[in-house]
């Protein structure tokens, strides 16, 4: 993203924590381990949103 000139506004978490969030303004990326994904269940929060891309 940086190479494309897209600015990172905010990030949380670490690779060792099992989850990370990166906020690029109009795009927010959540990266989870399987255990953390089951715990947070973001699919339930965003179940009405229209997916653009889903990577598993």
PDB file of N, CA and C in Angstrom:
ATOM      1  N   UNK A   1       0.833  -1.177   0.000  1.00  0.00           N
ATOM      2  CA  UNK A   1       0.000   0.000   0.000  1.00  0.00           C
ATOM      3  C   UNK A   1       0.885   1.252   0.000  1.00  0.00           C
ATOM      4  N   UNK A   2       1.933   1.212   0.801  1.00  0.00           N
ATOM      5  CA  UNK A   2       2.828   2.357   0.891  1.00  0.00           C
ATOM      6  C   UNK A   2       3.448   2.673  -0.468  1.00  0.00           C
ATOM      7  N   UNK A   3       3.823   1.631  -1.199  1.00  0.00           N
ATOM      8  CA  UNK A   3       4.408   1.820  -2.534  1.00  0.00           C
ATOM      9  C   UNK A   3       3.435   2.473  -3.503  1.00  0.00           C
ATOM     10  N   UNK A   4       2.144   2.312  -3.245  1.00  0.00           N
ATOM     11  CA  UNK A   4       1.106   2.901  -4.097  1.00  0.00           C
ATOM     12  C   UNK A   4       0.691   4.280  -3.620  1.00  0.00           C
ATOM     13  N   UNK A   5       1.330   4.786  -2.552  1.00  0.00           N
ATOM     14  CA  UNK A   5       1.013   6.110  -2.050  1.00  0.00           C
ATOM     15  C   UNK A   5      -0.208   6.165  -1.150  1.00  0.00           C
ATOM     16  N   UNK A   6      -0.652   5.002  -0.670  1.00  0.00           N
ATOM     17  CA  UNK A   6      -1.815   4.951   0.215  1.00  0.00           C
ATOM     18  C   UNK A   6      -1.314   5.026   1.656  1.00  0.00           C
ATOM     19  N   UNK A   7      -1.837   6.001   2.399  1.00  0.00           N
ATOM     20  CA  UNK A   7      -1.348   6.290   3.742  1.00  0.00           C
ATOM     21  C   UNK A   7      -2.068   5.430   4.776  1.00  0.00           C
ATOM     22  N   UNK A   8      -1.293   4.824   5.669  1.00  0.00           N
ATOM     23  CA  UNK A   8      -1.839   4.089   6.799  1.00  0.00           C
ATOM     24  C   UNK A   8      -2.207   5.097   7.875  1.00  0.00           C
ATOM     25  N   UNK A   9      -3.494   5.145   8.225  1.00  0.00           N
ATOM     26  CA  UNK A   9      -3.953   6.090   9.235  1.00  0.00           C
ATOM     27  C   UNK A   9      -3.767   5.555  10.649  1.00  0.00           C
ATOM     28  N   UNK A  10      -3.973   4.253  10.820  1.00  0.00           N
ATOM     29  CA  UNK A  10      -3.937   3.678  12.167  1.00  0.00           C
ATOM     30  C   UNK A  10      -3.735   2.178  12.067  1.00  0.00           C
ATOM     31  N   UNK A  11      -3.056   1.605  13.045  1.00  0.00           N
ATOM     32  CA  UNK A  11      -2.946   0.148  13.113  1.00  0.00           C
ATOM     33  C   UNK A  11      -3.017  -0.281  14.573  1.00  0.00           C
ATOM     34  N   UNK A  12      -3.507  -1.499  14.781  1.00  0.00           N
ATOM     35  CA  UNK A  12      -3.616  -2.082  16.117  1.00  0.00           C
ATOM     36  C   UNK A  12      -3.230  -3.542  16.042  1.00  0.00           C
ATOM     37  N   UNK A  13      -2.817  -4.083  17.174  1.00  0.00           N
ATOM     38  CA  UNK A  13      -2.451  -5.488  17.253  1.00  0.00           C
ATOM     39  C   UNK A  13      -1.050  -5.732  16.720  1.00  0.00           C
ATOM     40  N   UNK A  14      -0.604  -6.967  16.892  1.00  0.00           N
ATOM     41  CA  UNK A  14       0.704  -7.400  16.404  1.00  0.00           C
ATOM     42  C   UNK A  14       0.566  -8.798  15.833  1.00  0.00           C
ATOM     43  N   UNK A  15       1.508  -9.216  15.003  1.00  0.00           N
ATOM     44  CA  UNK A  15       1.427 -10.593  14.492  1.00  0.00           C
ATOM     45  C   UNK A  15       1.389 -11.632  15.618  1.00  0.00           C
ATOM     46  N   UNK A  16       2.084 -11.375  16.718  1.00  0.00           N
ATOM     47  CA  UNK A  16       2.103 -12.326  17.832  1.00  0.00           C
ATOM     48  C   UNK A  16       0.808 -12.353  18.634  1.00  0.00           C
ATOM     49  N   UNK A  17      -0.015 -11.318  18.528  1.00  0.00           N
ATOM     50  CA  UNK A  17      -1.243 -11.239  19.317  1.00  0.00           C
ATOM     51  C   UNK A  17      -2.380 -12.079  18.737  1.00  0.00           C
ATOM     52  N   UNK A  18      -2.266 -12.482  17.482  1.00  0.00           N
ATOM     53  CA  UNK A  18      -3.316 -13.265  16.846  1.00  0.00           C
ATOM     54  C   UNK A  18      -4.280 -12.430  16.027  1.00  0.00           C
ATOM     55  N   UNK A  19      -4.143 -11.091  16.088  1.00  0.00           N
ATOM     56  CA  UNK A  19      -5.007 -10.242  15.267  1.00  0.00           C
ATOM     57  C   UNK A  19      -4.304  -8.926  14.968  1.00  0.00           C
ATOM     58  N   UNK A  20      -4.647  -8.357  13.847  1.00  0.00           N
ATOM     59  CA  UNK A  20      -4.146  -7.043  13.463  1.00  0.00           C
ATOM     60  C   UNK A  20      -5.247  -6.295  12.727  1.00  0.00           C
ATOM     61  N   UNK A  21      -5.254  -4.993  12.884  1.00  0.00           N
ATOM     62  CA  UNK A  21      -6.174  -4.123  12.167  1.00  0.00           C
ATOM     63  C   UNK A  21      -5.340  -3.028  11.528  1.00  0.00           C
ATOM     64  N   UNK A  22      -5.580  -2.779  10.248  1.00  0.00           N
ATOM     65  CA  UNK A  22      -4.935  -1.652   9.568  1.00  0.00           C
ATOM     66  C   UNK A  22      -6.030  -0.791   8.955  1.00  0.00           C
ATOM     67  N   UNK A  23      -5.937   0.515   9.190  1.00  0.00           N
ATOM     68  CA  UNK A  23      -6.948   1.472   8.743  1.00  0.00           C
ATOM     69  C   UNK A  23      -6.325   2.385   7.694  1.00  0.00           C
ATOM     70  N   UNK A  24      -6.805   2.270   6.476  1.00  0.00           N
ATOM     71  CA  UNK A  24      -6.322   3.090   5.374  1.00  0.00           C
ATOM     72  C   UNK A  24      -7.354   4.147   4.973  1.00  0.00           C
ATOM     73  N   UNK A  25      -8.236   4.503   5.880  1.00  0.00           N
ATOM     74  CA  UNK A  25      -9.261   5.502   5.590  1.00  0.00           C
ATOM     75  C   UNK A  25     -10.514   4.849   5.051  1.00  0.00           C
ATOM     76  N   UNK A  26     -10.587   4.662   3.752  1.00  0.00           N
ATOM     77  CA  UNK A  26     -11.780   4.058   3.156  1.00  0.00           C
ATOM     78  C   UNK A  26     -11.732   2.530   3.173  1.00  0.00           C
ATOM     79  N   UNK A  27     -10.598   1.962   3.569  1.00  0.00           N
ATOM     80  CA  UNK A  27     -10.451   0.510   3.650  1.00  0.00           C
ATOM     81  C   UNK A  27      -9.860   0.149   5.011  1.00  0.00           C
ATOM     82  N   UNK A  28     -10.517  -0.770   5.709  1.00  0.00           N
ATOM     83  CA  UNK A  28     -10.007  -1.289   6.973  1.00  0.00           C
ATOM     84  C   UNK A  28      -9.798  -2.782   6.795  1.00  0.00           C
ATOM     85  N   UNK A  29      -8.619  -3.253   7.173  1.00  0.00           N
ATOM     86  CA  UNK A  29      -8.267  -4.659   7.009  1.00  0.00           C
ATOM     87  C   UNK A  29      -8.126  -5.297   8.381  1.00  0.00           C
ATOM     88  N   UNK A  30      -8.854  -6.397   8.613  1.00  0.00           N
ATOM     89  CA  UNK A  30      -8.738  -7.186   9.833  1.00  0.00           C
ATOM     90  C   UNK A  30      -8.049  -8.494   9.464  1.00  0.00           C
ATOM     91  N   UNK A  31      -7.005  -8.845  10.210  1.00  0.00           N
ATOM     92  CA  UNK A  31      -6.293 -10.100   9.987  1.00  0.00           C
ATOM     93  C   UNK A  31      -6.311 -10.862  11.310  1.00  0.00           C
ATOM     94  N   UNK A  32      -6.853 -12.090  11.286  1.00  0.00           N
ATOM     95  CA  UNK A  32      -7.010 -12.884  12.499  1.00  0.00           C
ATOM     96  C   UNK A  32      -6.448 -14.283  12.313  1.00  0.00           C
ATOM     97  N   UNK A  33      -6.010 -14.879  13.428  1.00  0.00           N
ATOM     98  CA  UNK A  33      -5.797 -16.318  13.445  1.00  0.00           C
ATOM     99  C   UNK A  33      -7.186 -16.955  13.529  1.00  0.00           C
ATOM    100  N   UNK A  34      -7.263 -18.243  13.297  1.00  0.00           N
ATOM    101  CA  UNK A  34      -8.563 -18.927  13.345  1.00  0.00           C
ATOM    102  C   UNK A  34      -9.207 -18.792  14.731  1.00  0.00           C
ATOM    103  N   UNK A  35      -8.422 -18.894  15.784  1.00  0.00           N
ATOM    104  CA  UNK A  35      -8.960 -18.794  17.148  1.00  0.00           C
ATOM    105  C   UNK A  35      -9.529 -17.401  17.404  1.00  0.00           C
ATOM    106  N   UNK A  36      -8.795 -16.371  17.039  1.00  0.00           N
ATOM    107  CA  UNK A  36      -9.257 -15.000  17.236  1.00  0.00           C
ATOM    108  C   UNK A  36     -10.486 -14.708  16.378  1.00  0.00           C
ATOM    109  N   UNK A  37     -10.508 -15.248  15.179  1.00  0.00           N
ATOM    110  CA  UNK A  37     -11.669 -15.034  14.299  1.00  0.00           C
ATOM    111  C   UNK A  37     -12.932 -15.617  14.922  1.00  0.00           C
ATOM    112  N   UNK A  38     -12.835 -16.814  15.481  1.00  0.00           N
ATOM    113  CA  UNK A  38     -13.985 -17.408  16.172  1.00  0.00           C
ATOM    114  C   UNK A  38     -14.409 -16.562  17.369  1.00  0.00           C
ATOM    115  N   UNK A  39     -13.444 -16.013  18.094  1.00  0.00           N
ATOM    116  CA  UNK A  39     -13.746 -15.218  19.281  1.00  0.00           C
ATOM    117  C   UNK A  39     -14.470 -13.918  18.932  1.00  0.00           C
ATOM    118  N   UNK A  40     -13.943 -13.159  17.951  1.00  0.00           N
ATOM    119  CA  UNK A  40     -14.510 -11.843  17.626  1.00  0.00           C
ATOM    120  C   UNK A  40     -15.755 -11.913  16.751  1.00  0.00           C
ATOM    121  N   UNK A  41     -15.888 -12.939  15.933  1.00  0.00           N
ATOM    122  CA  UNK A  41     -17.057 -13.156  15.081  1.00  0.00           C
ATOM    123  C   UNK A  41     -17.508 -11.895  14.336  1.00  0.00           C
ATOM    124  N   UNK A  42     -16.577 -11.248  13.648  1.00  0.00           N
ATOM    125  CA  UNK A  42     -16.912 -10.021  12.923  1.00  0.00           C
ATOM    126  C   UNK A  42     -17.937 -10.246  11.814  1.00  0.00           C
ATOM    127  N   UNK A  43     -18.031 -11.482  11.334  1.00  0.00           N
ATOM    128  CA  UNK A  43     -19.034 -11.761  10.315  1.00  0.00           C
ATOM    129  C   UNK A  43     -20.442 -11.437  10.828  1.00  0.00           C
ATOM    130  N   UNK A  44     -20.660 -11.609  12.128  1.00  0.00           N
ATOM    131  CA  UNK A  44     -21.962 -11.302  12.717  1.00  0.00           C
ATOM    132  C   UNK A  44     -22.201  -9.789  12.758  1.00  0.00           C
ATOM    133  N   UNK A  45     -21.148  -9.016  12.977  1.00  0.00           N
ATOM    134  CA  UNK A  45     -21.265  -7.560  13.028  1.00  0.00           C
ATOM    135  C   UNK A  45     -21.529  -6.997  11.631  1.00  0.00           C
ATOM    136  N   UNK A  46     -20.860  -7.575  10.638  1.00  0.00           N
ATOM    137  CA  UNK A  46     -20.926  -7.057   9.268  1.00  0.00           C
ATOM    138  C   UNK A  46     -21.797  -7.916   8.360  1.00  0.00           C
ATOM    139  N   UNK A  47     -22.730  -8.692   8.907  1.00  0.00           N
ATOM    140  CA  UNK A  47     -23.489  -9.638   8.094  1.00  0.00           C
ATOM    141  C   UNK A  47     -24.359  -8.988   7.018  1.00  0.00           C
ATOM    142  N   UNK A  48     -24.668  -7.705   7.129  1.00  0.00           N
ATOM    143  CA  UNK A  48     -25.479  -7.017   6.113  1.00  0.00           C
ATOM    144  C   UNK A  48     -24.611  -6.291   5.069  1.00  0.00           C
ATOM    145  N   UNK A  49     -23.307  -6.226   5.319  1.00  0.00           N
ATOM    146  CA  UNK A  49     -22.406  -5.542   4.389  1.00  0.00           C
ATOM    147  C   UNK A  49     -22.214  -6.368   3.126  1.00  0.00           C
ATOM    148  N   UNK A  50     -21.955  -5.708   2.032  1.00  0.00           N
ATOM    149  CA  UNK A  50     -21.692  -6.392   0.761  1.00  0.00           C
ATOM    150  C   UNK A  50     -20.182  -6.599   0.627  1.00  0.00           C
ATOM    151  N   UNK A  51     -19.734  -7.870   0.626  1.00  0.00           N
ATOM    152  CA  UNK A  51     -18.297  -8.135   0.510  1.00  0.00           C
ATOM    153  C   UNK A  51     -17.754  -7.707  -0.842  1.00  0.00           C
ATOM    154  N   UNK A  52     -16.582  -7.117  -0.820  1.00  0.00           N
ATOM    155  CA  UNK A  52     -15.889  -6.779  -2.057  1.00  0.00           C
ATOM    156  C   UNK A  52     -14.911  -7.899  -2.379  1.00  0.00           C
ATOM    157  N   UNK A  53     -14.102  -8.268  -1.399  1.00  0.00           N
ATOM    158  CA  UNK A  53     -13.160  -9.368  -1.541  1.00  0.00           C
ATOM    159  C   UNK A  53     -13.046 -10.086  -0.219  1.00  0.00           C
ATOM    160  N   UNK A  54     -13.012 -11.391  -0.274  1.00  0.00           N
ATOM    161  CA  UNK A  54     -12.840 -12.183   0.955  1.00  0.00           C
ATOM    162  C   UNK A  54     -11.699 -13.154   0.710  1.00  0.00           C
ATOM    163  N   UNK A  55     -10.708 -13.114   1.598  1.00  0.00           N
ATOM    164  CA  UNK A  55      -9.534 -13.970   1.465  1.00  0.00           C
ATOM    165  C   UNK A  55      -9.447 -14.839   2.705  1.00  0.00           C
ATOM    166  N   UNK A  56      -9.353 -16.149   2.510  1.00  0.00           N
ATOM    167  CA  UNK A  56      -9.208 -17.065   3.651  1.00  0.00           C
ATOM    168  C   UNK A  56      -8.039 -17.963   3.452  1.00  0.00           C
TER     169      UNK A  56
END
